[in-house]
Amino acid sequence: MPTESQLQTWLEQAYVARHKLSTGVLMVSFQHGDRRLTYNAADMAALDKYIAQLLEEIAQQKNGGAKRRRTYRVVQTGDGLT
């Protein structure tokens, strides 16, 4: 598993790649471990997904590896009749 420092580096590279695509560069490439990733403007959604994945991995490491769960609370107001 990559270290938090390595994840932060990859996240910074991904943000730079996203910025370049947003400002008109046709294709960007960067390293992810031993792989080379290449994105073009049509792959912006895939790059956003990759950034979200990195953010989630960093958050998990900061929380001691525990996966974060979403909890919803439903509250009824009034008597429910309309």
PDB file of N, CA and C in Angstrom:
ATOM      1  N   MET A   1       0.854  -1.179   0.000  1.00  0.00           N
ATOM      2  CA  MET A   1       0.000   0.000   0.000  1.00  0.00           C
ATOM      3  C   MET A   1       0.899   1.241   0.000  1.00  0.00           C
ATOM      4  N   PRO A   2       0.578   2.221  -0.846  1.00  0.00           N
ATOM      5  CA  PRO A   2       1.393   3.431  -0.899  1.00  0.00           C
ATOM      6  C   PRO A   2       1.271   4.244   0.385  1.00  0.00           C
ATOM      7  N   THR A   3       2.314   4.993   0.670  1.00  0.00           N
ATOM      8  CA  THR A   3       2.303   5.858   1.841  1.00  0.00           C
ATOM      9  C   THR A   3       1.439   7.079   1.577  1.00  0.00           C
ATOM     10  N   GLU A   4       1.073   7.766   2.639  1.00  0.00           N
ATOM     11  CA  GLU A   4       0.288   8.990   2.496  1.00  0.00           C
ATOM     12  C   GLU A   4       1.054  10.026   1.686  1.00  0.00           C
ATOM     13  N   SER A   5       2.353  10.085   1.877  1.00  0.00           N
ATOM     14  CA  SER A   5       3.184  11.020   1.127  1.00  0.00           C
ATOM     15  C   SER A   5       3.135  10.713  -0.372  1.00  0.00           C
ATOM     16  N   GLN A   6       3.210   9.434  -0.726  1.00  0.00           N
ATOM     17  CA  GLN A   6       3.143   9.048  -2.139  1.00  0.00           C
ATOM     18  C   GLN A   6       1.767   9.375  -2.726  1.00  0.00           C
ATOM     19  N   LEU A   7       0.712   9.103  -1.953  1.00  0.00           N
ATOM     20  CA  LEU A   7      -0.643   9.435  -2.408  1.00  0.00           C
ATOM     21  C   LEU A   7      -0.790  10.932  -2.640  1.00  0.00           C
ATOM     22  N   GLN A   8      -0.221  11.743  -1.748  1.00  0.00           N
ATOM     23  CA  GLN A   8      -0.279  13.203  -1.905  1.00  0.00           C
ATOM     24  C   GLN A   8       0.438  13.640  -3.175  1.00  0.00           C
ATOM     25  N   THR A   9       1.578  13.020  -3.462  1.00  0.00           N
ATOM     26  CA  THR A   9       2.324  13.330  -4.684  1.00  0.00           C
ATOM     27  C   THR A   9       1.489  13.005  -5.913  1.00  0.00           C
ATOM     28  N   TRP A  10       0.870  11.828  -5.927  1.00  0.00           N
ATOM     29  CA  TRP A  10       0.033  11.429  -7.057  1.00  0.00           C
ATOM     30  C   TRP A  10      -1.161  12.370  -7.207  1.00  0.00           C
ATOM     31  N   LEU A  11      -1.732  12.782  -6.078  1.00  0.00           N
ATOM     32  CA  LEU A  11      -2.872  13.694  -6.111  1.00  0.00           C
ATOM     33  C   LEU A  11      -2.467  15.040  -6.715  1.00  0.00           C
ATOM     34  N   GLU A  12      -1.310  15.551  -6.313  1.00  0.00           N
ATOM     35  CA  GLU A  12      -0.827  16.814  -6.871  1.00  0.00           C
ATOM     36  C   GLU A  12      -0.612  16.698  -8.378  1.00  0.00           C
ATOM     37  N   GLN A  13      -0.041  15.573  -8.826  1.00  0.00           N
ATOM     38  CA  GLN A  13       0.173  15.360 -10.257  1.00  0.00           C
ATOM     39  C   GLN A  13      -1.162  15.300 -10.991  1.00  0.00           C
ATOM     40  N   ALA A  14      -2.141  14.657 -10.399  1.00  0.00           N
ATOM     41  CA  ALA A  14      -3.459  14.547 -11.023  1.00  0.00           C
ATOM     42  C   ALA A  14      -4.125  15.915 -11.136  1.00  0.00           C
ATOM     43  N   TYR A  15      -3.993  16.739 -10.095  1.00  0.00           N
ATOM     44  CA  TYR A  15      -4.560  18.093 -10.148  1.00  0.00           C
ATOM     45  C   TYR A  15      -3.879  18.944 -11.226  1.00  0.00           C
ATOM     46  N   VAL A  16      -2.562  18.794 -11.355  1.00  0.00           N
ATOM     47  CA  VAL A  16      -1.840  19.533 -12.402  1.00  0.00           C
ATOM     48  C   VAL A  16      -2.321  19.066 -13.776  1.00  0.00           C
ATOM     49  N   ALA A  17      -2.479  17.754 -13.935  1.00  0.00           N
ATOM     50  CA  ALA A  17      -2.968  17.214 -15.210  1.00  0.00           C
ATOM     51  C   ALA A  17      -4.359  17.752 -15.516  1.00  0.00           C
ATOM     52  N   ARG A  18      -5.237  17.797 -14.513  1.00  0.00           N
ATOM     53  CA  ARG A  18      -6.595  18.297 -14.716  1.00  0.00           C
ATOM     54  C   ARG A  18      -6.577  19.777 -15.113  1.00  0.00           C
ATOM     55  N   HIS A  19      -5.712  20.534 -14.466  1.00  0.00           N
ATOM     56  CA  HIS A  19      -5.598  21.955 -14.802  1.00  0.00           C
ATOM     57  C   HIS A  19      -5.142  22.126 -16.253  1.00  0.00           C
ATOM     58  N   LYS A  20      -4.170  21.347 -16.664  1.00  0.00           N
ATOM     59  CA  LYS A  20      -3.676  21.448 -18.037  1.00  0.00           C
ATOM     60  C   LYS A  20      -4.769  21.108 -19.040  1.00  0.00           C
ATOM     61  N   LEU A  21      -5.530  20.040 -18.766  1.00  0.00           N
ATOM     62  CA  LEU A  21      -6.622  19.679 -19.671  1.00  0.00           C
ATOM     63  C   LEU A  21      -7.677  20.779 -19.715  1.00  0.00           C
ATOM     64  N   SER A  22      -7.941  21.379 -18.571  1.00  0.00           N
ATOM     65  CA  SER A  22      -8.953  22.438 -18.499  1.00  0.00           C
ATOM     66  C   SER A  22      -8.528  23.694 -19.251  1.00  0.00           C
ATOM     67  N   THR A  23      -7.228  23.888 -19.379  1.00  0.00           N
ATOM     68  CA  THR A  23      -6.741  25.102 -20.039  1.00  0.00           C
ATOM     69  C   THR A  23      -6.302  24.850 -21.475  1.00  0.00           C
ATOM     70  N   GLY A  24      -6.683  23.706 -22.036  1.00  0.00           N
ATOM     71  CA  GLY A  24      -6.496  23.517 -23.466  1.00  0.00           C
ATOM     72  C   GLY A  24      -5.391  22.586 -23.909  1.00  0.00           C
ATOM     73  N   VAL A  25      -4.596  22.042 -23.005  1.00  0.00           N
ATOM     74  CA  VAL A  25      -3.587  21.070 -23.413  1.00  0.00           C
ATOM     75  C   VAL A  25      -4.324  19.823 -23.885  1.00  0.00           C
ATOM     76  N   LEU A  26      -3.942  19.267 -25.011  1.00  0.00           N
ATOM     77  CA  LEU A  26      -4.689  18.169 -25.612  1.00  0.00           C
ATOM     78  C   LEU A  26      -4.492  16.831 -24.910  1.00  0.00           C
ATOM     79  N   MET A  27      -3.308  16.609 -24.321  1.00  0.00           N
ATOM     80  CA  MET A  27      -3.046  15.335 -23.673  1.00  0.00           C
ATOM     81  C   MET A  27      -2.032  15.544 -22.553  1.00  0.00           C
ATOM     82  N   VAL A  28      -2.233  14.855 -21.430  1.00  0.00           N
ATOM     83  CA  VAL A  28      -1.284  14.926 -20.319  1.00  0.00           C
ATOM     84  C   VAL A  28      -0.949  13.513 -19.868  1.00  0.00           C
ATOM     85  N   SER A  29       0.283  13.329 -19.352  1.00  0.00           N
ATOM     86  CA  SER A  29       0.729  12.038 -18.839  1.00  0.00           C
ATOM     87  C   SER A  29       1.464  12.269 -17.533  1.00  0.00           C
ATOM     88  N   PHE A  30       1.350  11.292 -16.624  1.00  0.00           N
ATOM     89  CA  PHE A  30       2.126  11.336 -15.391  1.00  0.00           C
ATOM     90  C   PHE A  30       2.255   9.929 -14.832  1.00  0.00           C
ATOM     91  N   GLN A  31       3.184   9.756 -13.897  1.00  0.00           N
ATOM     92  CA  GLN A  31       3.466   8.451 -13.298  1.00  0.00           C
ATOM     93  C   GLN A  31       2.535   8.164 -12.142  1.00  0.00           C
ATOM     94  N   HIS A  32       2.092   6.931 -12.030  1.00  0.00           N
ATOM     95  CA  HIS A  32       1.340   6.423 -10.869  1.00  0.00           C
ATOM     96  C   HIS A  32       2.044   5.134 -10.486  1.00  0.00           C
ATOM     97  N   GLY A  33       2.944   5.229  -9.522  1.00  0.00           N
ATOM     98  CA  GLY A  33       3.732   4.055  -9.173  1.00  0.00           C
ATOM     99  C   GLY A  33       4.606   3.674 -10.350  1.00  0.00           C
ATOM    100  N   ASP A  34       4.466   2.448 -10.814  1.00  0.00           N
ATOM    101  CA  ASP A  34       5.270   1.989 -11.943  1.00  0.00           C
ATOM    102  C   ASP A  34       4.517   2.098 -13.271  1.00  0.00           C
ATOM    103  N   ARG A  35       3.319   2.683 -13.250  1.00  0.00           N
ATOM    104  CA  ARG A  35       2.518   2.849 -14.467  1.00  0.00           C
ATOM    105  C   ARG A  35       2.554   4.296 -14.938  1.00  0.00           C
ATOM    106  N   ARG A  36       2.391   4.487 -16.215  1.00  0.00           N
ATOM    107  CA  ARG A  36       2.277   5.823 -16.789  1.00  0.00           C
ATOM    108  C   ARG A  36       0.828   6.015 -17.213  1.00  0.00           C
ATOM    109  N   LEU A  37       0.178   7.059 -16.700  1.00  0.00           N
ATOM    110  CA  LEU A  37      -1.212   7.355 -17.017  1.00  0.00           C
ATOM    111  C   LEU A  37      -1.266   8.504 -18.011  1.00  0.00           C
ATOM    112  N   THR A  38      -2.127   8.376 -19.011  1.00  0.00           N
ATOM    113  CA  THR A  38      -2.302   9.413 -20.019  1.00  0.00           C
ATOM    114  C   THR A  38      -3.784   9.729 -20.144  1.00  0.00           C
ATOM    115  N   TYR A  39      -4.104  11.002 -20.114  1.00  0.00           N
ATOM    116  CA  TYR A  39      -5.490  11.453 -20.230  1.00  0.00           C
ATOM    117  C   TYR A  39      -5.574  12.512 -21.314  1.00  0.00           C
ATOM    118  N   ASN A  40      -6.740  12.574 -21.985  1.00  0.00           N
ATOM    119  CA  ASN A  40      -7.017  13.685 -22.893  1.00  0.00           C
ATOM    120  C   ASN A  40      -8.314  14.334 -22.429  1.00  0.00           C
ATOM    121  N   ALA A  41      -8.729  15.395 -23.104  1.00  0.00           N
ATOM    122  CA  ALA A  41      -9.900  16.153 -22.648  1.00  0.00           C
ATOM    123  C   ALA A  41     -11.146  15.281 -22.552  1.00  0.00           C
ATOM    124  N   ALA A  42     -11.265  14.280 -23.410  1.00  0.00           N
ATOM    125  CA  ALA A  42     -12.435  13.397 -23.367  1.00  0.00           C
ATOM    126  C   ALA A  42     -12.421  12.507 -22.126  1.00  0.00           C
ATOM    127  N   ASP A  43     -11.260  12.358 -21.493  1.00  0.00           N
ATOM    128  CA  ASP A  43     -11.128  11.514 -20.306  1.00  0.00           C
ATOM    129  C   ASP A  43     -11.243  12.293 -19.000  1.00  0.00           C
ATOM    130  N   MET A  44     -11.756  13.514 -19.043  1.00  0.00           N
ATOM    131  CA  MET A  44     -11.821  14.357 -17.849  1.00  0.00           C
ATOM    132  C   MET A  44     -12.590  13.670 -16.722  1.00  0.00           C
ATOM    133  N   ALA A  45     -13.682  12.977 -17.031  1.00  0.00           N
ATOM    134  CA  ALA A  45     -14.463  12.284 -15.998  1.00  0.00           C
ATOM    135  C   ALA A  45     -13.640  11.175 -15.352  1.00  0.00           C
ATOM    136  N   ALA A  46     -12.860  10.465 -16.137  1.00  0.00           N
ATOM    137  CA  ALA A  46     -12.006   9.402 -15.587  1.00  0.00           C
ATOM    138  C   ALA A  46     -10.938   9.997 -14.672  1.00  0.00           C
ATOM    139  N   LEU A  47     -10.395  11.136 -15.059  1.00  0.00           N
ATOM    140  CA  LEU A  47      -9.400  11.810 -14.224  1.00  0.00           C
ATOM    141  C   LEU A  47     -10.031  12.288 -12.925  1.00  0.00           C
ATOM    142  N   ASP A  48     -11.249  12.827 -12.993  1.00  0.00           N
ATOM    143  CA  ASP A  48     -11.954  13.241 -11.778  1.00  0.00           C
ATOM    144  C   ASP A  48     -12.195  12.043 -10.857  1.00  0.00           C
ATOM    145  N   LYS A  49     -12.535  10.901 -11.419  1.00  0.00           N
ATOM    146  CA  LYS A  49     -12.749   9.686 -10.632  1.00  0.00           C
ATOM    147  C   LYS A  49     -11.446   9.250  -9.958  1.00  0.00           C
ATOM    148  N   TYR A  50     -10.346   9.339 -10.669  1.00  0.00           N
ATOM    149  CA  TYR A  50      -9.036   8.995 -10.120  1.00  0.00           C
ATOM    150  C   TYR A  50      -8.685   9.928  -8.958  1.00  0.00           C
ATOM    151  N   ILE A  51      -8.950  11.218  -9.119  1.00  0.00           N
ATOM    152  CA  ILE A  51      -8.691  12.185  -8.047  1.00  0.00           C
ATOM    153  C   ILE A  51      -9.538  11.849  -6.823  1.00  0.00           C
ATOM    154  N   ALA A  52     -10.807  11.524  -7.030  1.00  0.00           N
ATOM    155  CA  ALA A  52     -11.685  11.152  -5.910  1.00  0.00           C
ATOM    156  C   ALA A  52     -11.180   9.911  -5.205  1.00  0.00           C
ATOM    157  N   GLN A  53     -10.684   8.949  -5.972  1.00  0.00           N
ATOM    158  CA  GLN A  53     -10.137   7.716  -5.391  1.00  0.00           C
ATOM    159  C   GLN A  53      -8.920   8.027  -4.522  1.00  0.00           C
ATOM    160  N   LEU A  54      -8.035   8.886  -5.017  1.00  0.00           N
ATOM    161  CA  LEU A  54      -6.853   9.265  -4.236  1.00  0.00           C
ATOM    162  C   LEU A  54      -7.257   9.991  -2.951  1.00  0.00           C
ATOM    163  N   LEU A  55      -8.227  10.903  -3.054  1.00  0.00           N
ATOM    164  CA  LEU A  55      -8.693  11.615  -1.856  1.00  0.00           C
ATOM    165  C   LEU A  55      -9.266  10.642  -0.825  1.00  0.00           C
ATOM    166  N   GLU A  56      -9.998   9.639  -1.298  1.00  0.00           N
ATOM    167  CA  GLU A  56     -10.564   8.641  -0.390  1.00  0.00           C
ATOM    168  C   GLU A  56      -9.468   7.813   0.282  1.00  0.00           C
ATOM    169  N   GLU A  57      -8.453   7.415  -0.486  1.00  0.00           N
ATOM    170  CA  GLU A  57      -7.352   6.646   0.087  1.00  0.00           C
ATOM    171  C   GLU A  57      -6.591   7.454   1.129  1.00  0.00           C
ATOM    172  N   ILE A  58      -6.380   8.745   0.858  1.00  0.00           N
ATOM    173  CA  ILE A  58      -5.688   9.607   1.823  1.00  0.00           C
ATOM    174  C   ILE A  58      -6.524   9.739   3.089  1.00  0.00           C
ATOM    175  N   ALA A  59      -7.829   9.932   2.946  1.00  0.00           N
ATOM    176  CA  ALA A  59      -8.712  10.042   4.115  1.00  0.00           C
ATOM    177  C   ALA A  59      -8.698   8.755   4.929  1.00  0.00           C
ATOM    178  N   GLN A  60      -8.680   7.612   4.264  1.00  0.00           N
ATOM    179  CA  GLN A  60      -8.640   6.332   4.973  1.00  0.00           C
ATOM    180  C   GLN A  60      -7.357   6.203   5.781  1.00  0.00           C
ATOM    181  N   GLN A  61      -6.237   6.609   5.199  1.00  0.00           N
ATOM    182  CA  GLN A  61      -4.968   6.522   5.931  1.00  0.00           C
ATOM    183  C   GLN A  61      -4.964   7.467   7.128  1.00  0.00           C
ATOM    184  N   LYS A  62      -5.571   8.641   6.976  1.00  0.00           N
ATOM    185  CA  LYS A  62      -5.623   9.582   8.097  1.00  0.00           C
ATOM    186  C   LYS A  62      -6.524   9.067   9.213  1.00  0.00           C
ATOM    187  N   ASN A  63      -7.528   8.258   8.868  1.00  0.00           N
ATOM    188  CA  ASN A  63      -8.445   7.690   9.862  1.00  0.00           C
ATOM    189  C   ASN A  63      -7.976   6.329  10.347  1.00  0.00           C
ATOM    190  N   GLY A  64      -6.708   6.033  10.150  1.00  0.00           N
ATOM    191  CA  GLY A  64      -6.172   4.766  10.620  1.00  0.00           C
ATOM    192  C   GLY A  64      -6.610   3.576   9.787  1.00  0.00           C
ATOM    193  N   GLY A  65      -6.941   3.806   8.538  1.00  0.00           N
ATOM    194  CA  GLY A  65      -7.325   2.719   7.654  1.00  0.00           C
ATOM    195  C   GLY A  65      -8.787   2.354   7.704  1.00  0.00           C
ATOM    196  N   ALA A  66      -9.532   2.977   8.605  1.00  0.00           N
ATOM    197  CA  ALA A  66     -10.967   2.677   8.702  1.00  0.00           C
ATOM    198  C   ALA A  66     -11.704   3.317   7.539  1.00  0.00           C
ATOM    199  N   LYS A  67     -12.565   2.552   6.912  1.00  0.00           N
ATOM    200  CA  LYS A  67     -13.348   3.077   5.805  1.00  0.00           C
ATOM    201  C   LYS A  67     -14.473   3.941   6.367  1.00  0.00           C
ATOM    202  N   ARG A  68     -14.646   5.092   5.779  1.00  0.00           N
ATOM    203  CA  ARG A  68     -15.651   6.036   6.251  1.00  0.00           C
ATOM    204  C   ARG A  68     -17.030   5.621   5.760  1.00  0.00           C
ATOM    205  N   ARG A  69     -17.994   5.607   6.666  1.00  0.00           N
ATOM    206  CA  ARG A  69     -19.372   5.266   6.313  1.00  0.00           C
ATOM    207  C   ARG A  69     -20.236   6.503   6.376  1.00  0.00           C
ATOM    208  N   ARG A  70     -21.147   6.606   5.434  1.00  0.00           N
ATOM    209  CA  ARG A  70     -22.121   7.691   5.472  1.00  0.00           C
ATOM    210  C   ARG A  70     -23.327   7.232   6.265  1.00  0.00           C
ATOM    211  N   THR A  71     -23.799   8.122   7.109  1.00  0.00           N
ATOM    212  CA  THR A  71     -24.981   7.830   7.905  1.00  0.00           C
ATOM    213  C   THR A  71     -26.005   8.916   7.638  1.00  0.00           C
ATOM    214  N   TYR A  72     -27.231   8.484   7.416  1.00  0.00           N
ATOM    215  CA  TYR A  72     -28.317   9.425   7.179  1.00  0.00           C
ATOM    216  C   TYR A  72     -29.314   9.316   8.319  1.00  0.00           C
ATOM    217  N   ARG A  73     -29.813  10.449   8.731  1.00  0.00           N
ATOM    218  CA  ARG A  73     -30.827  10.473   9.771  1.00  0.00           C
ATOM    219  C   ARG A  73     -32.102  11.044   9.172  1.00  0.00           C
ATOM    220  N   VAL A  74     -33.187  10.326   9.304  1.00  0.00           N
ATOM    221  CA  VAL A  74     -34.479  10.772   8.793  1.00  0.00           C
ATOM    222  C   VAL A  74     -35.271  11.311   9.957  1.00  0.00           C
ATOM    223  N   VAL A  75     -35.736  12.534   9.813  1.00  0.00           N
ATOM    224  CA  VAL A  75     -36.506  13.177  10.886  1.00  0.00           C
ATOM    225  C   VAL A  75     -37.845  13.589  10.303  1.00  0.00           C
ATOM    226  N   GLN A  76     -38.889  13.179  10.966  1.00  0.00           N
ATOM    227  CA  GLN A  76     -40.231  13.560  10.534  1.00  0.00           C
ATOM    228  C   GLN A  76     -40.663  14.797  11.291  1.00  0.00           C
ATOM    229  N   THR A  77     -41.144  15.750  10.542  1.00  0.00           N
ATOM    230  CA  THR A  77     -41.655  16.960  11.171  1.00  0.00           C
ATOM    231  C   THR A  77     -43.154  17.017  10.912  1.00  0.00           C
ATOM    232  N   GLY A  78     -43.910  17.439  11.874  1.00  0.00           N
ATOM    233  CA  GLY A  78     -45.359  17.511  11.712  1.00  0.00           C
ATOM    234  C   GLY A  78     -45.976  16.128  11.809  1.00  0.00           C
ATOM    235  N   ASP A  79     -47.214  16.006  11.363  1.00  0.00           N
ATOM    236  CA  ASP A  79     -47.915  14.732  11.478  1.00  0.00           C
ATOM    237  C   ASP A  79     -47.859  13.906  10.197  1.00  0.00           C
ATOM    238  N   GLY A  80     -47.215  14.431   9.142  1.00  0.00           N
ATOM    239  CA  GLY A  80     -47.079  13.701   7.895  1.00  0.00           C
ATOM    240  C   GLY A  80     -48.292  13.781   6.991  1.00  0.00           C
ATOM    241  N   LEU A  81     -49.346  14.454   7.419  1.00  0.00           N
ATOM    242  CA  LEU A  81     -50.551  14.580   6.601  1.00  0.00           C
ATOM    243  C   LEU A  81     -50.514  15.886   5.835  1.00  0.00           C
ATOM    244  N   THR A  82     -51.016  15.868   4.626  1.00  0.00           N
ATOM    245  CA  THR A  82     -51.061  17.102   3.851  1.00  0.00           C
ATOM    246  C   THR A  82     -52.470  17.473   3.485  1.00  0.00           C
TER     247      THR A  82
END
